[in-house]
Amino acid sequence: MQSVKVKARIHSLDGEMDEVTVVEKKEGNNYIVEYKGQKCTAIFNGITNCFYVDDKFGVISKK
């Protein structure tokens, strides 16, 4: 998968939008994204057509 920059809802911002880079698609609607130098888990909601990034509890690694 090619990295793509998108606007997403961010957990630490109480759902406000910010830009993230989608790095990898996992199973189902699960993704790995990069946000502010760290990789985090995210889900894509097809109804709202939006990514939801968990940068509080879904941090995978820090750069």
C-alpha atoms as a PDB file:
ATOM      1  CA  MET A   1       0.000   0.000   0.000  1.00  0.00           C
ATOM      2  CA  GLN A   2       1.280   3.437  -0.893  1.00  0.00           C
ATOM      3  CA  SER A   3       1.328   5.999   1.939  1.00  0.00           C
ATOM      4  CA  VAL A   4      -1.503   8.511   1.674  1.00  0.00           C
ATOM      5  CA  LYS A   5      -2.123  11.720   3.653  1.00  0.00           C
ATOM      6  CA  VAL A   6      -5.715  12.185   4.825  1.00  0.00           C
ATOM      7  CA  LYS A   7      -7.683  14.150   7.401  1.00  0.00           C
ATOM      8  CA  ALA A   8      -8.749  12.000  10.359  1.00  0.00           C
ATOM      9  CA  ARG A   9     -10.454  12.315  13.721  1.00  0.00           C
ATOM     10  CA  ILE A  10      -7.843  12.200  16.500  1.00  0.00           C
ATOM     11  CA  HIS A  11      -8.540  10.710  19.945  1.00  0.00           C
ATOM     12  CA  SER A  12      -6.260  13.106  21.886  1.00  0.00           C
ATOM     13  CA  LEU A  13      -7.958  16.060  20.192  1.00  0.00           C
ATOM     14  CA  ASP A  14     -11.406  14.865  21.315  1.00  0.00           C
ATOM     15  CA  GLY A  15     -12.349  13.952  17.766  1.00  0.00           C
ATOM     16  CA  GLU A  16     -11.082  17.077  16.057  1.00  0.00           C
ATOM     17  CA  MET A  17      -9.586  16.627  12.590  1.00  0.00           C
ATOM     18  CA  ASP A  18      -5.879  16.642  11.744  1.00  0.00           C
ATOM     19  CA  GLU A  19      -3.701  15.253   8.974  1.00  0.00           C
ATOM     20  CA  VAL A  20      -2.280  11.732   9.244  1.00  0.00           C
ATOM     21  CA  THR A  21      -0.398   9.420   6.888  1.00  0.00           C
ATOM     22  CA  VAL A  22      -2.003   6.048   6.243  1.00  0.00           C
ATOM     23  CA  VAL A  23       0.887   3.577   6.291  1.00  0.00           C
ATOM     24  CA  GLU A  24      -0.631   0.091   6.209  1.00  0.00           C
ATOM     25  CA  LYS A  25      -3.993  -1.632   5.855  1.00  0.00           C
ATOM     26  CA  LYS A  26      -4.615  -4.452   8.295  1.00  0.00           C
ATOM     27  CA  GLU A  27      -7.515  -6.896   8.529  1.00  0.00           C
ATOM     28  CA  GLY A  28     -11.035  -5.547   7.946  1.00  0.00           C
ATOM     29  CA  ASN A  29     -11.262  -1.795   8.422  1.00  0.00           C
ATOM     30  CA  ASN A  30      -8.153  -1.549  10.635  1.00  0.00           C
ATOM     31  CA  TYR A  31      -5.163   0.551   9.621  1.00  0.00           C
ATOM     32  CA  ILE A  32      -1.783   1.735  10.841  1.00  0.00           C
ATOM     33  CA  VAL A  33      -1.265   5.483  10.506  1.00  0.00           C
ATOM     34  CA  GLU A  34       1.502   7.890  11.367  1.00  0.00           C
ATOM     35  CA  TYR A  35       0.564  10.930  13.406  1.00  0.00           C
ATOM     36  CA  LYS A  36       3.082  13.419  14.792  1.00  0.00           C
ATOM     37  CA  GLY A  37       6.021  11.025  14.498  1.00  0.00           C
ATOM     38  CA  GLN A  38       4.375   7.947  16.002  1.00  0.00           C
ATOM     39  CA  LYS A  39       2.587   4.991  14.504  1.00  0.00           C
ATOM     40  CA  CYS A  40      -0.922   4.412  15.812  1.00  0.00           C
ATOM     41  CA  THR A  41      -3.891   2.176  15.208  1.00  0.00           C
ATOM     42  CA  ALA A  42      -6.868   3.555  13.329  1.00  0.00           C
ATOM     43  CA  ILE A  43     -10.175   2.383  11.964  1.00  0.00           C
ATOM     44  CA  PHE A  44     -11.997   3.536   8.874  1.00  0.00           C
ATOM     45  CA  ASN A  45     -15.738   4.094   9.153  1.00  0.00           C
ATOM     46  CA  GLY A  46     -17.340   3.697   5.734  1.00  0.00           C
ATOM     47  CA  ILE A  47     -20.589   5.351   6.866  1.00  0.00           C
ATOM     48  CA  THR A  48     -18.874   8.596   7.905  1.00  0.00           C
ATOM     49  CA  ASN A  49     -16.090   8.094   5.320  1.00  0.00           C
ATOM     50  CA  CYS A  50     -13.524   9.004   7.968  1.00  0.00           C
ATOM     51  CA  PHE A  51     -10.511   7.530   9.782  1.00  0.00           C
ATOM     52  CA  TYR A  52     -10.512   7.492  13.588  1.00  0.00           C
ATOM     53  CA  VAL A  53      -7.010   7.480  15.091  1.00  0.00           C
ATOM     54  CA  ASP A  54      -6.261   6.253  18.620  1.00  0.00           C
ATOM     55  CA  ASP A  55      -3.119   8.159  19.562  1.00  0.00           C
ATOM     56  CA  LYS A  56      -3.702   7.607  23.287  1.00  0.00           C
ATOM     57  CA  PHE A  57      -4.013   3.834  23.696  1.00  0.00           C
ATOM     58  CA  GLY A  58      -3.216   2.636  20.171  1.00  0.00           C
ATOM     59  CA  VAL A  59       0.388   3.853  19.932  1.00  0.00           C
ATOM     60  CA  ILE A  60       2.518   1.200  18.222  1.00  0.00           C
ATOM     61  CA  SER A  61       5.913   2.913  18.192  1.00  0.00           C
ATOM     62  CA  LYS A  62       7.580   6.251  18.659  1.00  0.00           C
ATOM     63  CA  LYS A  63      10.260   7.587  16.345  1.00  0.00           C
END
